[in-house]
Amino acid sequence: MRPWPVDYRAEPEFELGWDLAGGLESLNLALKEWIGLLAYRLVGHIGAMAPNGC
């Protein structure tokens, strides 16, 4: 299996502040990524959830 980058996301600039909706959107995306990594780990597609050194 060859990894292929998809679903690029870019922010025009970094802003500090209290943006509850943006924070929840980021949390939602992160949780989906971790669930996907866990599923791949459980079925044996990957050996580790994160590469060495992370």
N, C-alpha and C. Protein backbone atom coordinates (compact mmCIF):
# COMPACT_ATOMS: atom_id res chain seq x y z
N MET A 1 0.85 -1.17 0.00
CA MET A 1 0.00 0.00 0.00
C MET A 1 0.90 1.24 0.00
N ARG A 2 0.59 2.19 -0.85
CA ARG A 2 1.37 3.42 -0.94
C ARG A 2 0.55 4.57 -0.35
N PRO A 3 1.13 5.31 0.63
CA PRO A 3 0.40 6.47 1.18
C PRO A 3 0.24 7.55 0.13
N TRP A 4 -0.89 8.21 0.14
CA TRP A 4 -1.18 9.26 -0.83
C TRP A 4 -1.81 10.44 -0.10
N PRO A 5 -1.21 11.62 -0.15
CA PRO A 5 -1.77 12.76 0.58
C PRO A 5 -3.08 13.24 -0.05
N VAL A 6 -4.06 13.45 0.79
CA VAL A 6 -5.36 13.94 0.34
C VAL A 6 -5.90 14.95 1.35
N ASP A 7 -6.94 15.65 0.97
CA ASP A 7 -7.66 16.54 1.88
C ASP A 7 -6.77 17.59 2.51
N TYR A 8 -6.05 18.33 1.66
CA TYR A 8 -5.19 19.40 2.16
C TYR A 8 -6.03 20.49 2.79
N ARG A 9 -5.57 21.01 3.90
CA ARG A 9 -6.23 22.13 4.58
C ARG A 9 -5.19 23.20 4.85
N ALA A 10 -5.53 24.41 4.57
CA ALA A 10 -4.61 25.53 4.80
C ALA A 10 -5.36 26.70 5.40
N GLU A 11 -4.73 27.34 6.33
CA GLU A 11 -5.27 28.54 6.95
C GLU A 11 -4.55 29.76 6.38
N PRO A 12 -5.26 30.82 6.07
CA PRO A 12 -4.58 31.99 5.50
C PRO A 12 -3.60 32.63 6.48
N GLU A 13 -3.91 32.61 7.75
CA GLU A 13 -3.00 33.16 8.76
C GLU A 13 -3.36 32.59 10.12
N PHE A 14 -2.41 32.65 11.02
CA PHE A 14 -2.62 32.15 12.38
C PHE A 14 -3.18 33.26 13.25
N GLU A 15 -4.23 32.97 13.99
CA GLU A 15 -4.83 33.96 14.87
C GLU A 15 -4.98 33.38 16.27
N LEU A 16 -4.61 34.18 17.25
CA LEU A 16 -4.86 33.81 18.64
C LEU A 16 -6.21 34.36 19.04
N GLY A 17 -6.92 33.64 19.85
CA GLY A 17 -8.21 34.14 20.30
C GLY A 17 -9.12 33.00 20.70
N TRP A 18 -10.32 33.36 21.05
CA TRP A 18 -11.32 32.41 21.50
C TRP A 18 -12.33 32.20 20.39
N ASP A 19 -12.15 31.14 19.64
CA ASP A 19 -13.06 30.80 18.55
C ASP A 19 -13.60 29.41 18.82
N LEU A 20 -14.69 29.34 19.54
CA LEU A 20 -15.24 28.05 19.95
C LEU A 20 -15.62 27.19 18.76
N ALA A 21 -16.27 27.76 17.75
CA ALA A 21 -16.68 26.98 16.58
C ALA A 21 -15.47 26.43 15.84
N GLY A 22 -14.44 27.25 15.65
CA GLY A 22 -13.22 26.79 14.98
C GLY A 22 -12.50 25.73 15.78
N GLY A 23 -12.49 25.89 17.09
CA GLY A 23 -11.85 24.89 17.96
C GLY A 23 -12.57 23.56 17.91
N LEU A 24 -13.89 23.59 17.91
CA LEU A 24 -14.66 22.35 17.83
C LEU A 24 -14.48 21.68 16.48
N GLU A 25 -14.37 22.47 15.42
CA GLU A 25 -14.14 21.90 14.10
C GLU A 25 -12.78 21.20 14.04
N SER A 26 -11.77 21.82 14.64
CA SER A 26 -10.43 21.21 14.67
C SER A 26 -10.44 19.94 15.51
N LEU A 27 -11.14 19.98 16.64
CA LEU A 27 -11.24 18.79 17.49
C LEU A 27 -11.95 17.66 16.76
N ASN A 28 -13.01 17.98 16.04
CA ASN A 28 -13.74 16.98 15.26
C ASN A 28 -12.82 16.32 14.23
N LEU A 29 -12.06 17.12 13.51
CA LEU A 29 -11.13 16.60 12.50
C LEU A 29 -10.06 15.72 13.15
N ALA A 30 -9.50 16.18 14.26
CA ALA A 30 -8.45 15.41 14.94
C ALA A 30 -8.98 14.06 15.44
N LEU A 31 -10.18 14.06 16.01
CA LEU A 31 -10.76 12.81 16.49
C LEU A 31 -10.99 11.82 15.36
N LYS A 32 -11.45 12.30 14.22
CA LYS A 32 -11.65 11.41 13.07
C LYS A 32 -10.32 10.82 12.60
N GLU A 33 -9.27 11.62 12.61
CA GLU A 33 -7.95 11.12 12.21
C GLU A 33 -7.47 10.04 13.17
N TRP A 34 -7.62 10.26 14.47
CA TRP A 34 -7.17 9.28 15.47
C TRP A 34 -8.00 8.00 15.40
N ILE A 35 -9.29 8.13 15.16
CA ILE A 35 -10.13 6.94 15.01
C ILE A 35 -9.70 6.14 13.78
N GLY A 36 -9.38 6.84 12.70
CA GLY A 36 -8.89 6.17 11.49
C GLY A 36 -7.57 5.45 11.74
N LEU A 37 -6.65 6.11 12.45
CA LEU A 37 -5.37 5.47 12.78
C LEU A 37 -5.58 4.24 13.65
N LEU A 38 -6.47 4.34 14.62
CA LEU A 38 -6.75 3.21 15.50
C LEU A 38 -7.34 2.04 14.69
N ALA A 39 -8.26 2.34 13.79
CA ALA A 39 -8.87 1.29 12.96
C ALA A 39 -7.80 0.61 12.09
N TYR A 40 -6.92 1.41 11.47
CA TYR A 40 -5.84 0.83 10.66
C TYR A 40 -4.92 -0.03 11.52
N ARG A 41 -4.66 0.40 12.74
CA ARG A 41 -3.79 -0.37 13.65
C ARG A 41 -4.46 -1.69 14.01
N LEU A 42 -5.75 -1.66 14.30
CA LEU A 42 -6.46 -2.87 14.73
C LEU A 42 -6.55 -3.91 13.62
N VAL A 43 -6.66 -3.49 12.37
CA VAL A 43 -6.75 -4.46 11.28
C VAL A 43 -5.38 -4.82 10.71
N GLY A 44 -4.32 -4.20 11.23
CA GLY A 44 -2.98 -4.60 10.85
C GLY A 44 -2.38 -3.88 9.65
N HIS A 45 -2.98 -2.79 9.22
CA HIS A 45 -2.43 -2.03 8.09
C HIS A 45 -1.20 -1.22 8.46
N ILE A 46 -1.10 -0.82 9.74
CA ILE A 46 0.06 -0.06 10.21
C ILE A 46 0.59 -0.71 11.48
N GLY A 47 1.87 -0.51 11.74
CA GLY A 47 2.49 -1.12 12.90
C GLY A 47 2.44 -0.26 14.15
N ALA A 48 2.34 1.05 13.98
CA ALA A 48 2.34 1.95 15.13
C ALA A 48 1.40 3.11 14.84
N MET A 49 0.83 3.67 15.90
CA MET A 49 -0.09 4.80 15.74
C MET A 49 0.65 6.06 15.32
N ALA A 50 1.92 6.18 15.74
CA ALA A 50 2.72 7.35 15.39
C ALA A 50 4.14 6.87 15.09
N PRO A 51 4.84 7.54 14.20
CA PRO A 51 6.22 7.13 13.90
C PRO A 51 7.13 7.35 15.10
N ASN A 52 8.26 6.65 15.11
CA ASN A 52 9.22 6.83 16.20
C ASN A 52 9.69 8.27 16.26
N GLY A 53 9.83 8.79 17.46
CA GLY A 53 10.31 10.15 17.64
C GLY A 53 9.21 11.19 17.76
N CYS A 54 7.97 10.76 17.68
CA CYS A 54 6.87 11.74 17.82
C CYS A 54 6.49 11.90 19.26
